[in-house]
Amino acid sequence: MSRSDELLTVPQVLDELGGVSRRTFYRWRELGRAPVCVQLPNLELRVWRSDLIAWLDSRREAA
């Protein structure tokens, strides 16, 4: 992560993913298929933008 990297909230991540539901996102977490998350002391989750981009890149399929 770089200094220009940004921590995204779960609603921001869902928006970036085109409106994936919160329930789907948490299901992906249960299955180990979600992007890497950071859990804050108040138990809220955040995702570094760079981790979200890397996760999306890892999901690319060859045409």
PDB file of N, CA and C in Angstrom:
ATOM      1  N   MET A   1       0.843  -1.179   0.000  1.00  0.00           N
ATOM      2  CA  MET A   1       0.000   0.000   0.000  1.00  0.00           C
ATOM      3  C   MET A   1       0.882   1.232   0.000  1.00  0.00           C
ATOM      4  N   SER A   2       0.408   2.255  -0.637  1.00  0.00           N
ATOM      5  CA  SER A   2       1.178   3.489  -0.721  1.00  0.00           C
ATOM      6  C   SER A   2       0.503   4.559   0.141  1.00  0.00           C
ATOM      7  N   ARG A   3       1.191   5.664   0.297  1.00  0.00           N
ATOM      8  CA  ARG A   3       0.613   6.760   1.100  1.00  0.00           C
ATOM      9  C   ARG A   3      -0.653   7.315   0.465  1.00  0.00           C
ATOM     10  N   SER A   4      -0.806   7.152  -0.823  1.00  0.00           N
ATOM     11  CA  SER A   4      -2.010   7.647  -1.484  1.00  0.00           C
ATOM     12  C   SER A   4      -3.136   6.612  -1.456  1.00  0.00           C
ATOM     13  N   ASP A   5      -2.857   5.434  -0.896  1.00  0.00           N
ATOM     14  CA  ASP A   5      -3.877   4.395  -0.781  1.00  0.00           C
ATOM     15  C   ASP A   5      -4.963   4.888   0.173  1.00  0.00           C
ATOM     16  N   GLU A   6      -6.130   4.297   0.069  1.00  0.00           N
ATOM     17  CA  GLU A   6      -7.259   4.779   0.860  1.00  0.00           C
ATOM     18  C   GLU A   6      -8.004   3.596   1.467  1.00  0.00           C
ATOM     19  N   LEU A   7      -8.438   3.745   2.716  1.00  0.00           N
ATOM     20  CA  LEU A   7      -9.265   2.731   3.350  1.00  0.00           C
ATOM     21  C   LEU A   7     -10.721   2.967   2.961  1.00  0.00           C
ATOM     22  N   LEU A   8     -11.342   1.952   2.407  1.00  0.00           N
ATOM     23  CA  LEU A   8     -12.733   2.047   1.982  1.00  0.00           C
ATOM     24  C   LEU A   8     -13.649   1.383   3.009  1.00  0.00           C
ATOM     25  N   THR A   9     -14.814   1.962   3.218  1.00  0.00           N
ATOM     26  CA  THR A   9     -15.821   1.334   4.066  1.00  0.00           C
ATOM     27  C   THR A   9     -16.498   0.225   3.272  1.00  0.00           C
ATOM     28  N   VAL A  10     -17.227  -0.636   3.954  1.00  0.00           N
ATOM     29  CA  VAL A  10     -17.952  -1.697   3.250  1.00  0.00           C
ATOM     30  C   VAL A  10     -18.945  -1.104   2.245  1.00  0.00           C
ATOM     31  N   PRO A  11     -19.743  -0.079   2.604  1.00  0.00           N
ATOM     32  CA  PRO A  11     -20.632   0.494   1.580  1.00  0.00           C
ATOM     33  C   PRO A  11     -19.884   1.031   0.352  1.00  0.00           C
ATOM     34  N   GLN A  12     -18.705   1.606   0.552  1.00  0.00           N
ATOM     35  CA  GLN A  12     -17.910   2.080  -0.581  1.00  0.00           C
ATOM     36  C   GLN A  12     -17.447   0.913  -1.449  1.00  0.00           C
ATOM     37  N   VAL A  13     -17.034  -0.178  -0.813  1.00  0.00           N
ATOM     38  CA  VAL A  13     -16.604  -1.369  -1.560  1.00  0.00           C
ATOM     39  C   VAL A  13     -17.775  -1.920  -2.364  1.00  0.00           C
ATOM     40  N   LEU A  14     -18.942  -2.015  -1.731  1.00  0.00           N
ATOM     41  CA  LEU A  14     -20.124  -2.534  -2.427  1.00  0.00           C
ATOM     42  C   LEU A  14     -20.469  -1.677  -3.631  1.00  0.00           C
ATOM     43  N   ASP A  15     -20.333  -0.371  -3.482  1.00  0.00           N
ATOM     44  CA  ASP A  15     -20.586   0.549  -4.588  1.00  0.00           C
ATOM     45  C   ASP A  15     -19.565   0.342  -5.710  1.00  0.00           C
ATOM     46  N   GLU A  16     -18.302   0.185  -5.329  1.00  0.00           N
ATOM     47  CA  GLU A  16     -17.242  -0.062  -6.322  1.00  0.00           C
ATOM     48  C   GLU A  16     -17.504  -1.361  -7.090  1.00  0.00           C
ATOM     49  N   LEU A  17     -18.140  -2.319  -6.433  1.00  0.00           N
ATOM     50  CA  LEU A  17     -18.424  -3.609  -7.060  1.00  0.00           C
ATOM     51  C   LEU A  17     -19.736  -3.598  -7.831  1.00  0.00           C
ATOM     52  N   GLY A  18     -20.310  -2.424  -8.007  1.00  0.00           N
ATOM     53  CA  GLY A  18     -21.509  -2.310  -8.820  1.00  0.00           C
ATOM     54  C   GLY A  18     -22.790  -2.630  -8.085  1.00  0.00           C
ATOM     55  N   GLY A  19     -22.784  -2.456  -6.778  1.00  0.00           N
ATOM     56  CA  GLY A  19     -24.013  -2.654  -6.018  1.00  0.00           C
ATOM     57  C   GLY A  19     -24.206  -4.055  -5.466  1.00  0.00           C
ATOM     58  N   VAL A  20     -23.121  -4.773  -5.245  1.00  0.00           N
ATOM     59  CA  VAL A  20     -23.216  -6.084  -4.586  1.00  0.00           C
ATOM     60  C   VAL A  20     -23.859  -5.866  -3.215  1.00  0.00           C
ATOM     61  N   SER A  21     -24.715  -6.784  -2.788  1.00  0.00           N
ATOM     62  CA  SER A  21     -25.394  -6.601  -1.507  1.00  0.00           C
ATOM     63  C   SER A  21     -24.436  -6.846  -0.343  1.00  0.00           C
ATOM     64  N   ARG A  22     -24.756  -6.223   0.787  1.00  0.00           N
ATOM     65  CA  ARG A  22     -23.971  -6.406   2.010  1.00  0.00           C
ATOM     66  C   ARG A  22     -23.963  -7.887   2.400  1.00  0.00           C
ATOM     67  N   ARG A  23     -25.105  -8.531   2.271  1.00  0.00           N
ATOM     68  CA  ARG A  23     -25.206  -9.946   2.634  1.00  0.00           C
ATOM     69  C   ARG A  23     -24.270 -10.808   1.779  1.00  0.00           C
ATOM     70  N   THR A  24     -24.233 -10.517   0.478  1.00  0.00           N
ATOM     71  CA  THR A  24     -23.341 -11.255  -0.413  1.00  0.00           C
ATOM     72  C   THR A  24     -21.886 -11.043  -0.016  1.00  0.00           C
ATOM     73  N   PHE A  25     -21.524  -9.798   0.277  1.00  0.00           N
ATOM     74  CA  PHE A  25     -20.149  -9.495   0.679  1.00  0.00           C
ATOM     75  C   PHE A  25     -19.759 -10.287   1.922  1.00  0.00           C
ATOM     76  N   TYR A  26     -20.609 -10.315   2.941  1.00  0.00           N
ATOM     77  CA  TYR A  26     -20.295 -11.040   4.169  1.00  0.00           C
ATOM     78  C   TYR A  26     -20.291 -12.553   3.942  1.00  0.00           C
ATOM     79  N   ARG A  27     -21.100 -13.025   3.004  1.00  0.00           N
ATOM     80  CA  ARG A  27     -21.070 -14.447   2.641  1.00  0.00           C
ATOM     81  C   ARG A  27     -19.717 -14.771   2.003  1.00  0.00           C
ATOM     82  N   TRP A  28     -19.256 -13.888   1.107  1.00  0.00           N
ATOM     83  CA  TRP A  28     -17.938 -14.089   0.503  1.00  0.00           C
ATOM     84  C   TRP A  28     -16.875 -14.158   1.592  1.00  0.00           C
ATOM     85  N   ARG A  29     -16.997 -13.295   2.610  1.00  0.00           N
ATOM     86  CA  ARG A  29     -16.028 -13.327   3.720  1.00  0.00           C
ATOM     87  C   ARG A  29     -16.054 -14.669   4.431  1.00  0.00           C
ATOM     88  N   GLU A  30     -17.250 -15.183   4.695  1.00  0.00           N
ATOM     89  CA  GLU A  30     -17.376 -16.498   5.346  1.00  0.00           C
ATOM     90  C   GLU A  30     -16.699 -17.589   4.528  1.00  0.00           C
ATOM     91  N   LEU A  31     -16.807 -17.478   3.224  1.00  0.00           N
ATOM     92  CA  LEU A  31     -16.246 -18.488   2.324  1.00  0.00           C
ATOM     93  C   LEU A  31     -14.775 -18.240   1.991  1.00  0.00           C
ATOM     94  N   GLY A  32     -14.203 -17.136   2.493  1.00  0.00           N
ATOM     95  CA  GLY A  32     -12.810 -16.813   2.201  1.00  0.00           C
ATOM     96  C   GLY A  32     -12.609 -16.298   0.788  1.00  0.00           C
ATOM     97  N   ARG A  33     -13.661 -15.724   0.187  1.00  0.00           N
ATOM     98  CA  ARG A  33     -13.583 -15.259  -1.203  1.00  0.00           C
ATOM     99  C   ARG A  33     -13.640 -13.748  -1.334  1.00  0.00           C
ATOM    100  N   ALA A  34     -13.683 -13.032  -0.248  1.00  0.00           N
ATOM    101  CA  ALA A  34     -13.764 -11.567  -0.275  1.00  0.00           C
ATOM    102  C   ALA A  34     -12.367 -10.969  -0.295  1.00  0.00           C
ATOM    103  N   PRO A  35     -12.256  -9.699  -0.640  1.00  0.00           N
ATOM    104  CA  PRO A  35     -10.950  -9.047  -0.550  1.00  0.00           C
ATOM    105  C   PRO A  35     -10.487  -8.996   0.905  1.00  0.00           C
ATOM    106  N   VAL A  36      -9.192  -8.852   1.080  1.00  0.00           N
ATOM    107  CA  VAL A  36      -8.614  -8.762   2.420  1.00  0.00           C
ATOM    108  C   VAL A  36      -9.203  -7.549   3.135  1.00  0.00           C
ATOM    109  N   CYS A  37      -9.648  -7.747   4.368  1.00  0.00           N
ATOM    110  CA  CYS A  37     -10.255  -6.671   5.149  1.00  0.00           C
ATOM    111  C   CYS A  37      -9.404  -6.353   6.369  1.00  0.00           C
ATOM    112  N   VAL A  38      -9.530  -5.132   6.839  1.00  0.00           N
ATOM    113  CA  VAL A  38      -8.902  -4.681   8.082  1.00  0.00           C
ATOM    114  C   VAL A  38     -10.038  -4.481   9.077  1.00  0.00           C
ATOM    115  N   GLN A  39      -9.937  -5.133  10.240  1.00  0.00           N
ATOM    116  CA  GLN A  39     -10.967  -4.942  11.258  1.00  0.00           C
ATOM    117  C   GLN A  39     -10.478  -3.911  12.269  1.00  0.00           C
ATOM    118  N   LEU A  40     -11.229  -2.844  12.400  1.00  0.00           N
ATOM    119  CA  LEU A  40     -10.883  -1.774  13.326  1.00  0.00           C
ATOM    120  C   LEU A  40     -11.266  -2.174  14.754  1.00  0.00           C
ATOM    121  N   PRO A  41     -10.741  -1.475  15.769  1.00  0.00           N
ATOM    122  CA  PRO A  41     -11.081  -1.805  17.155  1.00  0.00           C
ATOM    123  C   PRO A  41     -12.588  -1.762  17.452  1.00  0.00           C
ATOM    124  N   ASN A  42     -13.344  -0.955  16.697  1.00  0.00           N
ATOM    125  CA  ASN A  42     -14.794  -0.906  16.909  1.00  0.00           C
ATOM    126  C   ASN A  42     -15.519  -1.997  16.110  1.00  0.00           C
ATOM    127  N   LEU A  43     -14.739  -2.927  15.542  1.00  0.00           N
ATOM    128  CA  LEU A  43     -15.208  -4.084  14.776  1.00  0.00           C
ATOM    129  C   LEU A  43     -15.706  -3.757  13.371  1.00  0.00           C
ATOM    130  N   GLU A  44     -15.620  -2.498  12.955  1.00  0.00           N
ATOM    131  CA  GLU A  44     -15.971  -2.160  11.579  1.00  0.00           C
ATOM    132  C   GLU A  44     -14.868  -2.639  10.639  1.00  0.00           C
ATOM    133  N   LEU A  45     -15.269  -2.969   9.417  1.00  0.00           N
ATOM    134  CA  LEU A  45     -14.318  -3.446   8.421  1.00  0.00           C
ATOM    135  C   LEU A  45     -13.953  -2.329   7.460  1.00  0.00           C
ATOM    136  N   ARG A  46     -12.720  -2.376   6.989  1.00  0.00           N
ATOM    137  CA  ARG A  46     -12.239  -1.478   5.948  1.00  0.00           C
ATOM    138  C   ARG A  46     -11.436  -2.320   4.968  1.00  0.00           C
ATOM    139  N   VAL A  47     -11.348  -1.835   3.742  1.00  0.00           N
ATOM    140  CA  VAL A  47     -10.567  -2.507   2.700  1.00  0.00           C
ATOM    141  C   VAL A  47      -9.676  -1.460   2.061  1.00  0.00           C
ATOM    142  N   TRP A  48      -8.374  -1.737   2.013  1.00  0.00           N
ATOM    143  CA  TRP A  48      -7.475  -0.837   1.285  1.00  0.00           C
ATOM    144  C   TRP A  48      -7.844  -0.897  -0.184  1.00  0.00           C
ATOM    145  N   ARG A  49      -7.912   0.260  -0.834  1.00  0.00           N
ATOM    146  CA  ARG A  49      -8.236   0.299  -2.264  1.00  0.00           C
ATOM    147  C   ARG A  49      -7.275  -0.591  -3.060  1.00  0.00           C
ATOM    148  N   SER A  50      -6.003  -0.586  -2.709  1.00  0.00           N
ATOM    149  CA  SER A  50      -5.021  -1.415  -3.428  1.00  0.00           C
ATOM    150  C   SER A  50      -5.342  -2.906  -3.281  1.00  0.00           C
ATOM    151  N   ASP A  51      -5.847  -3.323  -2.113  1.00  0.00           N
ATOM    152  CA  ASP A  51      -6.233  -4.728  -1.922  1.00  0.00           C
ATOM    153  C   ASP A  51      -7.469  -5.072  -2.743  1.00  0.00           C
ATOM    154  N   LEU A  52      -8.402  -4.138  -2.842  1.00  0.00           N
ATOM    155  CA  LEU A  52      -9.599  -4.365  -3.657  1.00  0.00           C
ATOM    156  C   LEU A  52      -9.205  -4.524  -5.126  1.00  0.00           C
ATOM    157  N   ILE A  53      -8.311  -3.656  -5.605  1.00  0.00           N
ATOM    158  CA  ILE A  53      -7.859  -3.742  -6.997  1.00  0.00           C
ATOM    159  C   ILE A  53      -7.127  -5.054  -7.250  1.00  0.00           C
ATOM    160  N   ALA A  54      -6.259  -5.446  -6.322  1.00  0.00           N
ATOM    161  CA  ALA A  54      -5.535  -6.722  -6.469  1.00  0.00           C
ATOM    162  C   ALA A  54      -6.505  -7.898  -6.469  1.00  0.00           C
ATOM    163  N   TRP A  55      -7.518  -7.843  -5.609  1.00  0.00           N
ATOM    164  CA  TRP A  55      -8.515  -8.905  -5.532  1.00  0.00           C
ATOM    165  C   TRP A  55      -9.287  -8.994  -6.846  1.00  0.00           C
ATOM    166  N   LEU A  56      -9.699  -7.835  -7.380  1.00  0.00           N
ATOM    167  CA  LEU A  56     -10.407  -7.831  -8.656  1.00  0.00           C
ATOM    168  C   LEU A  56      -9.526  -8.382  -9.780  1.00  0.00           C
ATOM    169  N   ASP A  57      -8.247  -7.981  -9.802  1.00  0.00           N
ATOM    170  CA  ASP A  57      -7.314  -8.487 -10.811  1.00  0.00           C
ATOM    171  C   ASP A  57      -7.172 -10.010 -10.719  1.00  0.00           C
ATOM    172  N   SER A  58      -7.190 -10.540  -9.501  1.00  0.00           N
ATOM    173  CA  SER A  58      -7.048 -11.997  -9.321  1.00  0.00           C
ATOM    174  C   SER A  58      -8.285 -12.744  -9.786  1.00  0.00           C
ATOM    175  N   ARG A  59      -9.393 -12.045  -9.987  1.00  0.00           N
ATOM    176  CA  ARG A  59     -10.644 -12.652 -10.411  1.00  0.00           C
ATOM    177  C   ARG A  59     -10.816 -12.628 -11.924  1.00  0.00           C
ATOM    178  N   ARG A  60      -9.867 -12.023 -12.623  1.00  0.00           N
ATOM    179  CA  ARG A  60      -9.965 -11.944 -14.089  1.00  0.00           C
ATOM    180  C   ARG A  60      -9.894 -13.323 -14.704  1.00  0.00           C
ATOM    181  N   GLU A  61     -10.714 -13.519 -15.714  1.00  0.00           N
ATOM    182  CA  GLU A  61     -10.682 -14.776 -16.448  1.00  0.00           C
ATOM    183  C   GLU A  61     -10.118 -14.522 -17.839  1.00  0.00           C
ATOM    184  N   ALA A  62      -9.384 -15.510 -18.337  1.00  0.00           N
ATOM    185  CA  ALA A  62      -8.869 -15.394 -19.697  1.00  0.00           C
ATOM    186  C   ALA A  62     -10.025 -15.555 -20.669  1.00  0.00           C
ATOM    187  N   ALA A  63     -10.029 -14.727 -21.692  1.00  0.00           N
ATOM    188  CA  ALA A  63     -11.128 -14.788 -22.692  1.00  0.00           C
ATOM    189  C   ALA A  63     -10.881 -15.904 -23.680  1.00  0.00           C
TER     190      ALA A  63
END
